[in-house]
Structures are given as structure tokens and as C-alpha cells.
Amino acid sequence: GQVDRVGMPQPVVRTVAAGNEVVPRIVKVDGRVRLVAGA
């Protein structure tokens, strides 16, 4: 349930930790606009 680096929005981390995929989306990661996906 813990991410190895800072900057990742917690809603994204919680989604993955709960066993769900992160639908690709645009978010700010460590101050940068990024395309994010998770599994």
C-alpha cells in the first residue's frame, strides 16, 4: 500500500493497492503533468 517514491497522487496509489487497475489519466506527478496507468 506504500509507493516507493514521493509525488504520486494518493488516489492513484490507493487504487492499485486495493487491487484495481488505474484507468489511464492525466495527473500531476511531482509537479509535472503526466499520463498515468497502473495495475
Full PDB file with SEQRES, HELIX, SHEET, SSBOND, CRYST1, ORIGX, SCALE, CONECT and MASTER records, all heavy atoms in Angstrom:
SEQRES   1 A   39  GLY GLN VAL ASP ARG VAL GLY MET PRO GLN PRO VAL VAL          
SEQRES   2 A   39  ARG THR VAL ALA ALA GLY ASN GLU VAL VAL PRO ARG ILE          
SEQRES   3 A   39  VAL LYS VAL ASP GLY ARG VAL ARG LEU VAL ALA GLY ALA          
HELIX    1 AA1 GLN A   10  ALA A   17  1                                   8    
SHEET    1 AA1 2 VAL A  22  VAL A  29  0                                        
SHEET    2 AA1 2 ARG A  32  GLY A  38 -1                                        
CRYST1    1.000    1.000    1.000  90.00  90.00  90.00 P 1           1          
ORIGX1      1.000000  0.000000  0.000000        0.00000                         
ORIGX2      0.000000  1.000000  0.000000        0.00000                         
ORIGX3      0.000000  0.000000  1.000000        0.00000                         
SCALE1      1.000000  0.000000  0.000000        0.00000                         
SCALE2      0.000000  1.000000  0.000000        0.00000                         
SCALE3      0.000000  0.000000  1.000000        0.00000                         
ATOM      1  N   GLY A   1       0.787  -1.228   0.000  1.00  0.00           N  
ATOM      2  CA  GLY A   1       0.000   0.000   0.000  1.00  0.00           C  
ATOM      3  C   GLY A   1       0.815   1.271   0.000  1.00  0.00           C  
ATOM      4  O   GLY A   1       0.246   2.365   0.017  1.00  0.00           O  
ATOM      5  N   GLN A   2       2.147   1.161  -0.009  1.00  0.00           N  
ATOM      6  CA  GLN A   2       3.008   2.334   0.015  1.00  0.00           C  
ATOM      7  C   GLN A   2       3.812   2.414  -1.279  1.00  0.00           C  
ATOM      8  O   GLN A   2       4.360   1.408  -1.747  1.00  0.00           O  
ATOM      9  CB  GLN A   2       3.973   2.278   1.213  1.00  0.00           C  
ATOM     10  CG  GLN A   2       3.283   2.220   2.573  1.00  0.00           C  
ATOM     11  CD  GLN A   2       2.456   3.464   2.850  1.00  0.00           C  
ATOM     12  OE1 GLN A   2       2.887   4.584   2.558  1.00  0.00           O  
ATOM     13  NE2 GLN A   2       1.268   3.286   3.424  1.00  0.00           N  
ATOM     14  N   VAL A   3       3.890   3.618  -1.839  1.00  0.00           N  
ATOM     15  CA  VAL A   3       4.642   3.820  -3.069  1.00  0.00           C  
ATOM     16  C   VAL A   3       6.097   4.093  -2.742  1.00  0.00           C  
ATOM     17  O   VAL A   3       6.417   4.651  -1.678  1.00  0.00           O  
ATOM     18  CB  VAL A   3       4.033   4.983  -3.884  1.00  0.00           C  
ATOM     19  CG1 VAL A   3       4.245   6.321  -3.195  1.00  0.00           C  
ATOM     20  CG2 VAL A   3       4.583   5.002  -5.301  1.00  0.00           C  
ATOM     21  N   ASP A   4       6.987   3.682  -3.619  1.00  0.00           N  
ATOM     22  CA  ASP A   4       8.420   3.776  -3.327  1.00  0.00           C  
ATOM     23  C   ASP A   4       9.013   5.159  -3.543  1.00  0.00           C  
ATOM     24  O   ASP A   4      10.157   5.415  -3.182  1.00  0.00           O  
ATOM     25  CB  ASP A   4       9.195   2.761  -4.171  1.00  0.00           C  
ATOM     26  CG  ASP A   4       9.064   3.029  -5.675  1.00  0.00           C  
ATOM     27  OD1 ASP A   4       8.158   3.796  -6.060  1.00  0.00           O  
ATOM     28  OD2 ASP A   4       9.857   2.469  -6.455  1.00  0.00           O  
ATOM     29  N   ARG A   5       8.239   6.080  -4.152  1.00  0.00           N  
ATOM     30  CA  ARG A   5       8.746   7.434  -4.369  1.00  0.00           C  
ATOM     31  C   ARG A   5       7.656   8.447  -4.089  1.00  0.00           C  
ATOM     32  O   ARG A   5       6.471   8.143  -4.197  1.00  0.00           O  
ATOM     33  CB  ARG A   5       9.254   7.605  -5.806  1.00  0.00           C  
ATOM     34  CG  ARG A   5      10.597   6.939  -6.073  1.00  0.00           C  
ATOM     35  CD  ARG A   5      11.096   7.288  -7.455  1.00  0.00           C  
ATOM     36  NE  ARG A   5      10.380   6.575  -8.500  1.00  0.00           N  
ATOM     37  CZ  ARG A   5      10.385   6.934  -9.778  1.00  0.00           C  
ATOM     38  NH1 ARG A   5      11.007   8.041 -10.150  1.00  0.00           N  
ATOM     39  NH2 ARG A   5       9.748   6.214 -10.671  1.00  0.00           N  
ATOM     40  N   VAL A   6       8.084   9.660  -3.761  1.00  0.00           N  
ATOM     41  CA  VAL A   6       7.120  10.713  -3.459  1.00  0.00           C  
ATOM     42  C   VAL A   6       6.619  11.326  -4.766  1.00  0.00           C  
ATOM     43  O   VAL A   6       7.227  11.174  -5.827  1.00  0.00           O  
ATOM     44  CB  VAL A   6       7.759  11.816  -2.581  1.00  0.00           C  
ATOM     45  CG1 VAL A   6       8.189  11.233  -1.253  1.00  0.00           C  
ATOM     46  CG2 VAL A   6       8.941  12.466  -3.292  1.00  0.00           C  
ATOM     47  N   GLY A   7       5.504  12.028  -4.665  1.00  0.00           N  
ATOM     48  CA  GLY A   7       4.984  12.765  -5.805  1.00  0.00           C  
ATOM     49  C   GLY A   7       3.782  12.135  -6.467  1.00  0.00           C  
ATOM     50  O   GLY A   7       3.050  12.818  -7.180  1.00  0.00           O  
ATOM     51  N   MET A   8       3.572  10.843  -6.257  1.00  0.00           N  
ATOM     52  CA  MET A   8       2.429  10.173  -6.879  1.00  0.00           C  
ATOM     53  C   MET A   8       1.160  10.479  -6.097  1.00  0.00           C  
ATOM     54  O   MET A   8       1.126  10.300  -4.873  1.00  0.00           O  
ATOM     55  CB  MET A   8       2.659   8.672  -6.936  1.00  0.00           C  
ATOM     56  CG  MET A   8       1.525   7.898  -7.611  1.00  0.00           C  
ATOM     57  SD  MET A   8       1.221   8.363  -9.340  1.00  0.00           S  
ATOM     58  CE  MET A   8       2.802   7.914 -10.082  1.00  0.00           C  
ATOM     59  N   PRO A   9       0.097  10.949  -6.733  1.00  0.00           N  
ATOM     60  CA  PRO A   9      -1.158  11.239  -6.015  1.00  0.00           C  
ATOM     61  C   PRO A   9      -1.669  10.003  -5.283  1.00  0.00           C  
ATOM     62  O   PRO A   9      -1.683   8.897  -5.831  1.00  0.00           O  
ATOM     63  CB  PRO A   9      -2.109  11.661  -7.143  1.00  0.00           C  
ATOM     64  CG  PRO A   9      -1.222  12.157  -8.238  1.00  0.00           C  
ATOM     65  CD  PRO A   9      -0.004  11.309  -8.173  1.00  0.00           C  
ATOM     66  N   GLN A  10      -2.110  10.215  -4.057  1.00  0.00           N  
ATOM     67  CA  GLN A  10      -2.563   9.103  -3.228  1.00  0.00           C  
ATOM     68  C   GLN A  10      -3.772   8.357  -3.800  1.00  0.00           C  
ATOM     69  O   GLN A  10      -3.847   7.130  -3.645  1.00  0.00           O  
ATOM     70  CB  GLN A  10      -2.870   9.600  -1.812  1.00  0.00           C  
ATOM     71  CG  GLN A  10      -1.622   9.863  -0.986  1.00  0.00           C  
ATOM     72  CD  GLN A  10      -0.749   8.625  -0.888  1.00  0.00           C  
ATOM     73  OE1 GLN A  10      -1.200   7.541  -0.500  1.00  0.00           O  
ATOM     74  NE2 GLN A  10       0.518   8.767  -1.255  1.00  0.00           N  
ATOM     75  N   PRO A  11      -4.724   9.016  -4.442  1.00  0.00           N  
ATOM     76  CA  PRO A  11      -5.834   8.248  -5.035  1.00  0.00           C  
ATOM     77  C   PRO A  11      -5.355   7.188  -6.023  1.00  0.00           C  
ATOM     78  O   PRO A  11      -5.930   6.101  -6.094  1.00  0.00           O  
ATOM     79  CB  PRO A  11      -6.685   9.323  -5.722  1.00  0.00           C  
ATOM     80  CG  PRO A  11      -6.413  10.563  -4.944  1.00  0.00           C  
ATOM     81  CD  PRO A  11      -4.975  10.477  -4.563  1.00  0.00           C  
ATOM     82  N   VAL A  12      -4.312   7.502  -6.770  1.00  0.00           N  
ATOM     83  CA  VAL A  12      -3.760   6.533  -7.725  1.00  0.00           C  
ATOM     84  C   VAL A  12      -3.132   5.369  -6.969  1.00  0.00           C  
ATOM     85  O   VAL A  12      -3.330   4.199  -7.311  1.00  0.00           O  
ATOM     86  CB  VAL A  12      -2.724   7.209  -8.650  1.00  0.00           C  
ATOM     87  CG1 VAL A  12      -2.086   6.178  -9.578  1.00  0.00           C  
ATOM     88  CG2 VAL A  12      -3.363   8.331  -9.456  1.00  0.00           C  
ATOM     89  N   VAL A  13      -2.373   5.683  -5.916  1.00  0.00           N  
ATOM     90  CA  VAL A  13      -1.724   4.643  -5.116  1.00  0.00           C  
ATOM     91  C   VAL A  13      -2.766   3.746  -4.462  1.00  0.00           C  
ATOM     92  O   VAL A  13      -2.641   2.511  -4.470  1.00  0.00           O  
ATOM     93  CB  VAL A  13      -0.807   5.277  -4.051  1.00  0.00           C  
ATOM     94  CG1 VAL A  13      -0.190   4.193  -3.160  1.00  0.00           C  
ATOM     95  CG2 VAL A  13       0.289   6.120  -4.707  1.00  0.00           C  
ATOM     96  N   ARG A  14      -3.805   4.340  -3.900  1.00  0.00           N  
ATOM     97  CA  ARG A  14      -4.839   3.547  -3.222  1.00  0.00           C  
ATOM     98  C   ARG A  14      -5.589   2.638  -4.198  1.00  0.00           C  
ATOM     99  O   ARG A  14      -5.969   1.514  -3.848  1.00  0.00           O  
ATOM    100  CB  ARG A  14      -5.817   4.483  -2.503  1.00  0.00           C  
ATOM    101  CG  ARG A  14      -5.238   5.140  -1.247  1.00  0.00           C  
ATOM    102  CD  ARG A  14      -6.348   5.741  -0.404  1.00  0.00           C  
ATOM    103  NE  ARG A  14      -7.001   6.840  -1.096  1.00  0.00           N  
ATOM    104  CZ  ARG A  14      -6.650   8.118  -0.960  1.00  0.00           C  
ATOM    105  NH1 ARG A  14      -5.621   8.440  -0.160  1.00  0.00           N  
ATOM    106  NH2 ARG A  14      -7.287   9.076  -1.587  1.00  0.00           N  
ATOM    107  N   THR A  15      -5.788   3.109  -5.412  1.00  0.00           N  
ATOM    108  CA  THR A  15      -6.482   2.279  -6.409  1.00  0.00           C  
ATOM    109  C   THR A  15      -5.693   1.004  -6.699  1.00  0.00           C  
ATOM    110  O   THR A  15      -6.251  -0.097  -6.726  1.00  0.00           O  
ATOM    111  CB  THR A  15      -6.691   3.077  -7.709  1.00  0.00           C  
ATOM    112  OG1 THR A  15      -7.502   4.221  -7.435  1.00  0.00           O  
ATOM    113  CG2 THR A  15      -7.372   2.223  -8.767  1.00  0.00           C  
ATOM    114  N   VAL A  16      -4.393   1.162  -6.895  1.00  0.00           N  
ATOM    115  CA  VAL A  16      -3.558  -0.010  -7.179  1.00  0.00           C  
ATOM    116  C   VAL A  16      -3.456  -0.912  -5.954  1.00  0.00           C  
ATOM    117  O   VAL A  16      -3.542  -2.144  -6.061  1.00  0.00           O  
ATOM    118  CB  VAL A  16      -2.155   0.443  -7.643  1.00  0.00           C  
ATOM    119  CG1 VAL A  16      -1.221  -0.758  -7.756  1.00  0.00           C  
ATOM    120  CG2 VAL A  16      -2.240   1.157  -8.984  1.00  0.00           C  
ATOM    121  N   ALA A  17      -3.275  -0.312  -4.791  1.00  0.00           N  
ATOM    122  CA  ALA A  17      -3.146  -1.096  -3.559  1.00  0.00           C  
ATOM    123  C   ALA A  17      -4.415  -1.894  -3.266  1.00  0.00           C  
ATOM    124  O   ALA A  17      -4.349  -2.971  -2.652  1.00  0.00           O  
ATOM    125  CB  ALA A  17      -2.820  -0.178  -2.382  1.00  0.00           C  
ATOM    126  N   ALA A  18      -5.550  -1.393  -3.716  1.00  0.00           N  
ATOM    127  CA  ALA A  18      -6.824  -2.089  -3.497  1.00  0.00           C  
ATOM    128  C   ALA A  18      -7.049  -3.210  -4.506  1.00  0.00           C  
ATOM    129  O   ALA A  18      -8.074  -3.886  -4.460  1.00  0.00           O  
ATOM    130  CB  ALA A  18      -7.979  -1.096  -3.565  1.00  0.00           C  
ATOM    131  N   GLY A  19      -6.089  -3.405  -5.407  1.00  0.00           N  
ATOM    132  CA  GLY A  19      -6.207  -4.495  -6.370  1.00  0.00           C  
ATOM    133  C   GLY A  19      -6.912  -4.125  -7.656  1.00  0.00           C  
ATOM    134  O   GLY A  19      -7.350  -5.014  -8.393  1.00  0.00           O  
ATOM    135  N   ASN A  20      -7.000  -2.838  -7.931  1.00  0.00           N  
ATOM    136  CA  ASN A  20      -7.680  -2.380  -9.142  1.00  0.00           C  
ATOM    137  C   ASN A  20      -6.698  -1.714 -10.101  1.00  0.00           C  
ATOM    138  O   ASN A  20      -5.666  -1.181  -9.686  1.00  0.00           O  
ATOM    139  CB  ASN A  20      -8.785  -1.376  -8.792  1.00  0.00           C  
ATOM    140  CG  ASN A  20      -9.819  -1.979  -7.864  1.00  0.00           C  
ATOM    141  OD1 ASN A  20     -10.282  -3.100  -8.084  1.00  0.00           O  
ATOM    142  ND2 ASN A  20     -10.188  -1.238  -6.819  1.00  0.00           N  
ATOM    143  N   GLU A  21      -7.048  -1.762 -11.376  1.00  0.00           N  
ATOM    144  CA  GLU A  21      -6.225  -1.072 -12.362  1.00  0.00           C  
ATOM    145  C   GLU A  21      -6.517   0.426 -12.339  1.00  0.00           C  
ATOM    146  O   GLU A  21      -7.642   0.846 -12.047  1.00  0.00           O  
ATOM    147  CB  GLU A  21      -6.480  -1.616 -13.771  1.00  0.00           C  
ATOM    148  CG  GLU A  21      -5.933  -3.003 -14.011  1.00  0.00           C  
ATOM    149  CD  GLU A  21      -6.007  -3.391 -15.486  1.00  0.00           C  
ATOM    150  OE1 GLU A  21      -6.658  -2.647 -16.264  1.00  0.00           O  
ATOM    151  OE2 GLU A  21      -5.420  -4.422 -15.844  1.00  0.00           O  
ATOM    152  N   VAL A  22      -5.512   1.190 -12.669  1.00  0.00           N  
ATOM    153  CA  VAL A  22      -5.683   2.638 -12.806  1.00  0.00           C  
ATOM    154  C   VAL A  22      -5.960   2.928 -14.279  1.00  0.00           C  
ATOM    155  O   VAL A  22      -5.107   2.687 -15.139  1.00  0.00           O  
ATOM    156  CB  VAL A  22      -4.420   3.399 -12.347  1.00  0.00           C  
ATOM    157  CG1 VAL A  22      -4.585   4.895 -12.611  1.00  0.00           C  
ATOM    158  CG2 VAL A  22      -4.156   3.141 -10.879  1.00  0.00           C  
ATOM    159  N   VAL A  23      -7.155   3.394 -14.538  1.00  0.00           N  
ATOM    160  CA  VAL A  23      -7.508   3.766 -15.912  1.00  0.00           C  
ATOM    161  C   VAL A  23      -6.602   4.917 -16.338  1.00  0.00           C  
ATOM    162  O   VAL A  23      -6.393   5.862 -15.574  1.00  0.00           O  
ATOM    163  CB  VAL A  23      -8.985   4.176 -15.999  1.00  0.00           C  
ATOM    164  CG1 VAL A  23      -9.337   4.616 -17.417  1.00  0.00           C  
ATOM    165  CG2 VAL A  23      -9.882   3.036 -15.547  1.00  0.00           C  
ATOM    166  N   PRO A  24      -6.007   4.841 -17.535  1.00  0.00           N  
ATOM    167  CA  PRO A  24      -5.096   5.914 -17.973  1.00  0.00           C  
ATOM    168  C   PRO A  24      -5.733   7.288 -17.822  1.00  0.00           C  
ATOM    169  O   PRO A  24      -6.865   7.515 -18.253  1.00  0.00           O  
ATOM    170  CB  PRO A  24      -4.832   5.561 -19.439  1.00  0.00           C  
ATOM    171  CG  PRO A  24      -5.030   4.095 -19.520  1.00  0.00           C  
ATOM    172  CD  PRO A  24      -6.133   3.781 -18.554  1.00  0.00           C  
ATOM    173  N   ARG A  25      -4.977   8.184 -17.210  1.00  0.00           N  
ATOM    174  CA  ARG A  25      -5.477   9.533 -16.972  1.00  0.00           C  
ATOM    175  C   ARG A  25      -4.312  10.505 -16.911  1.00  0.00           C  
ATOM    176  O   ARG A  25      -3.156  10.102 -16.751  1.00  0.00           O  
ATOM    177  CB  ARG A  25      -6.264   9.590 -15.665  1.00  0.00           C  
ATOM    178  CG  ARG A  25      -5.401   9.368 -14.419  1.00  0.00           C  
ATOM    179  CD  ARG A  25      -6.213   9.166 -13.161  1.00  0.00           C  
ATOM    180  NE  ARG A  25      -6.929   7.888 -13.187  1.00  0.00           N  
ATOM    181  CZ  ARG A  25      -7.594   7.412 -12.123  1.00  0.00           C  
ATOM    182  NH1 ARG A  25      -7.650   8.116 -10.999  1.00  0.00           N  
ATOM    183  NH2 ARG A  25      -8.207   6.246 -12.211  1.00  0.00           N  
ATOM    184  N   ILE A  26      -4.634  11.769 -17.036  1.00  0.00           N  
ATOM    185  CA  ILE A  26      -3.628  12.825 -16.918  1.00  0.00           C  
ATOM    186  C   ILE A  26      -3.666  13.371 -15.500  1.00  0.00           C  
ATOM    187  O   ILE A  26      -4.715  13.826 -15.034  1.00  0.00           O  
ATOM    188  CB  ILE A  26      -3.876  13.965 -17.928  1.00  0.00           C  
ATOM    189  CG1 ILE A  26      -3.886  13.431 -19.367  1.00  0.00           C  
ATOM    190  CG2 ILE A  26      -2.837  15.058 -17.780  1.00  0.00           C  
ATOM    191  CD1 ILE A  26      -2.565  12.899 -19.840  1.00  0.00           C  
ATOM    192  N   VAL A  27      -2.539  13.305 -14.797  1.00  0.00           N  
ATOM    193  CA  VAL A  27      -2.446  13.824 -13.429  1.00  0.00           C  
ATOM    194  C   VAL A  27      -1.107  14.542 -13.269  1.00  0.00           C  
ATOM    195  O   VAL A  27      -0.217  14.414 -14.119  1.00  0.00           O  
ATOM    196  CB  VAL A  27      -2.559  12.691 -12.383  1.00  0.00           C  
ATOM    197  CG1 VAL A  27      -3.893  11.971 -12.487  1.00  0.00           C  
ATOM    198  CG2 VAL A  27      -1.409  11.706 -12.515  1.00  0.00           C  
ATOM    199  N   LYS A  28      -0.975  15.253 -12.159  1.00  0.00           N  
ATOM    200  CA  LYS A  28       0.301  15.889 -11.829  1.00  0.00           C  
ATOM    201  C   LYS A  28       1.088  14.966 -10.918  1.00  0.00           C  
ATOM    202  O   LYS A  28       0.622  14.584  -9.848  1.00  0.00           O  
ATOM    203  CB  LYS A  28       0.079  17.241 -11.159  1.00  0.00           C  
ATOM    204  CG  LYS A  28      -0.147  18.379 -12.143  1.00  0.00           C  
ATOM    205  CD  LYS A  28       0.002  19.734 -11.465  1.00  0.00           C  
ATOM    206  CE  LYS A  28      -0.068  20.842 -12.505  1.00  0.00           C  
ATOM    207  NZ  LYS A  28       0.150  22.169 -11.878  1.00  0.00           N  
ATOM    208  N   VAL A  29       2.276  14.604 -11.370  1.00  0.00           N  
ATOM    209  CA  VAL A  29       3.165  13.748 -10.595  1.00  0.00           C  
ATOM    210  C   VAL A  29       4.426  14.531 -10.287  1.00  0.00           C  
ATOM    211  O   VAL A  29       5.183  14.888 -11.195  1.00  0.00           O  
ATOM    212  CB  VAL A  29       3.511  12.453 -11.366  1.00  0.00           C  
ATOM    213  CG1 VAL A  29       4.455  11.585 -10.537  1.00  0.00           C  
ATOM    214  CG2 VAL A  29       2.250  11.683 -11.720  1.00  0.00           C  
ATOM    215  N   ASP A  30       4.630  14.815  -8.999  1.00  0.00           N  
ATOM    216  CA  ASP A  30       5.801  15.585  -8.575  1.00  0.00           C  
ATOM    217  C   ASP A  30       5.894  16.904  -9.333  1.00  0.00           C  
ATOM    218  O   ASP A  30       6.968  17.328  -9.760  1.00  0.00           O  
ATOM    219  CB  ASP A  30       7.067  14.759  -8.778  1.00  0.00           C  
ATOM    220  CG  ASP A  30       8.239  15.279  -7.943  1.00  0.00           C  
ATOM    221  OD1 ASP A  30       7.993  16.018  -6.963  1.00  0.00           O  
ATOM    222  OD2 ASP A  30       9.387  14.948  -8.283  1.00  0.00           O  
ATOM    223  N   GLY A  31       4.730  17.534  -9.540  1.00  0.00           N  
ATOM    224  CA  GLY A  31       4.685  18.833 -10.188  1.00  0.00           C  
ATOM    225  C   GLY A  31       4.682  18.803 -11.697  1.00  0.00           C  
ATOM    226  O   GLY A  31       4.617  19.862 -12.331  1.00  0.00           O  
ATOM    227  N   ARG A  32       4.747  17.621 -12.291  1.00  0.00           N  
ATOM    228  CA  ARG A  32       4.756  17.512 -13.759  1.00  0.00           C  
ATOM    229  C   ARG A  32       3.468  16.868 -14.245  1.00  0.00           C  
ATOM    230  O   ARG A  32       2.951  15.956 -13.605  1.00  0.00           O  
ATOM    231  CB  ARG A  32       5.944  16.682 -14.237  1.00  0.00           C  
ATOM    232  CG  ARG A  32       7.309  17.282 -13.913  1.00  0.00           C  
ATOM    233  CD  ARG A  32       8.414  16.397 -14.468  1.00  0.00           C  
ATOM    234  NE  ARG A  32       8.367  15.052 -13.907  1.00  0.00           N  
ATOM    235  CZ  ARG A  32       9.054  14.022 -14.382  1.00  0.00           C  
ATOM    236  NH1 ARG A  32       9.805  14.177 -15.473  1.00  0.00           N  
ATOM    237  NH2 ARG A  32       8.978  12.834 -13.809  1.00  0.00           N  
ATOM    238  N   VAL A  33       2.981  17.331 -15.377  1.00  0.00           N  
ATOM    239  CA  VAL A  33       1.789  16.740 -15.981  1.00  0.00           C  
ATOM    240  C   VAL A  33       2.203  15.445 -16.675  1.00  0.00           C  
ATOM    241  O   VAL A  33       3.071  15.444 -17.553  1.00  0.00           O  
ATOM    242  CB  VAL A  33       1.137  17.703 -16.990  1.00  0.00           C  
ATOM    243  CG1 VAL A  33      -0.054  17.034 -17.671  1.00  0.00           C  
ATOM    244  CG2 VAL A  33       0.706  18.982 -16.301  1.00  0.00           C  
ATOM    245  N   ARG A  34       1.577  14.335 -16.245  1.00  0.00           N  
ATOM    246  CA  ARG A  34       1.966  13.029 -16.769  1.00  0.00           C  
ATOM    247  C   ARG A  34       0.743  12.187 -17.109  1.00  0.00           C  
ATOM    248  O   ARG A  34      -0.350  12.373 -16.545  1.00  0.00           O  
ATOM    249  CB  ARG A  34       2.800  12.260 -15.732  1.00  0.00           C  
ATOM    250  CG  ARG A  34       4.000  13.017 -15.197  1.00  0.00           C  
ATOM    251  CD  ARG A  34       5.107  13.104 -16.215  1.00  0.00           C  
ATOM    252  NE  ARG A  34       5.830  11.828 -16.336  1.00  0.00           N  
ATOM    253  CZ  ARG A  34       6.801  11.617 -17.201  1.00  0.00           C  
ATOM    254  NH1 ARG A  34       7.150  12.562 -18.066  1.00  0.00           N  
ATOM    255  NH2 ARG A  34       7.421  10.442 -17.243  1.00  0.00           N  
ATOM    256  N   LEU A  35       0.935  11.272 -18.056  1.00  0.00           N  
ATOM    257  CA  LEU A  35      -0.061  10.247 -18.350  1.00  0.00           C  
ATOM    258  C   LEU A  35       0.245   9.063 -17.446  1.00  0.00           C  
ATOM    259  O   LEU A  35       1.371   8.566 -17.428  1.00  0.00           O  
ATOM    260  CB  LEU A  35       0.004   9.831 -19.813  1.00  0.00           C  
ATOM    261  CG  LEU A  35      -0.903   8.685 -20.253  1.00  0.00           C  
ATOM    262  CD1 LEU A  35      -2.372   9.042 -20.062  1.00  0.00           C  
ATOM    263  CD2 LEU A  35      -0.636   8.306 -21.704  1.00  0.00           C  
ATOM    264  N   VAL A  36      -0.759   8.600 -16.694  1.00  0.00           N  
ATOM    265  CA  VAL A  36      -0.542   7.580 -15.663  1.00  0.00           C  
ATOM    266  C   VAL A  36      -1.439   6.380 -15.929  1.00  0.00           C  
ATOM    267  O   VAL A  36      -2.605   6.521 -16.310  1.00  0.00           O  
ATOM    268  CB  VAL A  36      -0.831   8.150 -14.259  1.00  0.00           C  
ATOM    269  CG1 VAL A  36      -0.785   7.055 -13.205  1.00  0.00           C  
ATOM    270  CG2 VAL A  36       0.168   9.234 -13.921  1.00  0.00           C  
ATOM    271  N   ALA A  37      -0.881   5.191 -15.721  1.00  0.00           N  
ATOM    272  CA  ALA A  37      -1.652   3.943 -15.764  1.00  0.00           C  
ATOM    273  C   ALA A  37      -1.048   3.004 -14.730  1.00  0.00           C  
ATOM    274  O   ALA A  37       0.144   3.090 -14.416  1.00  0.00           O  
ATOM    275  CB  ALA A  37      -1.621   3.307 -17.145  1.00  0.00           C  
ATOM    276  N   GLY A  38      -1.857   2.120 -14.162  1.00  0.00           N  
ATOM    277  CA  GLY A  38      -1.345   1.218 -13.136  1.00  0.00           C  
ATOM    278  C   GLY A  38      -2.065  -0.109 -13.133  1.00  0.00           C  
ATOM    279  O   GLY A  38      -3.165  -0.243 -13.679  1.00  0.00           O  
ATOM    280  N   ALA A  39      -1.417  -1.092 -12.521  1.00  0.00           N  
ATOM    281  CA  ALA A  39      -2.009  -2.427 -12.428  1.00  0.00           C  
ATOM    282  C   ALA A  39      -1.525  -3.097 -11.143  1.00  0.00           C  
ATOM    283  O   ALA A  39      -0.375  -2.912 -10.740  1.00  0.00           O  
ATOM    284  CB  ALA A  39      -1.626  -3.272 -13.640  1.00  0.00           C  
TER     285      ALA A  39                                                      
MASTER        0    0    0    1    2    0    0    6  284    1    0    3          
END                                                                             
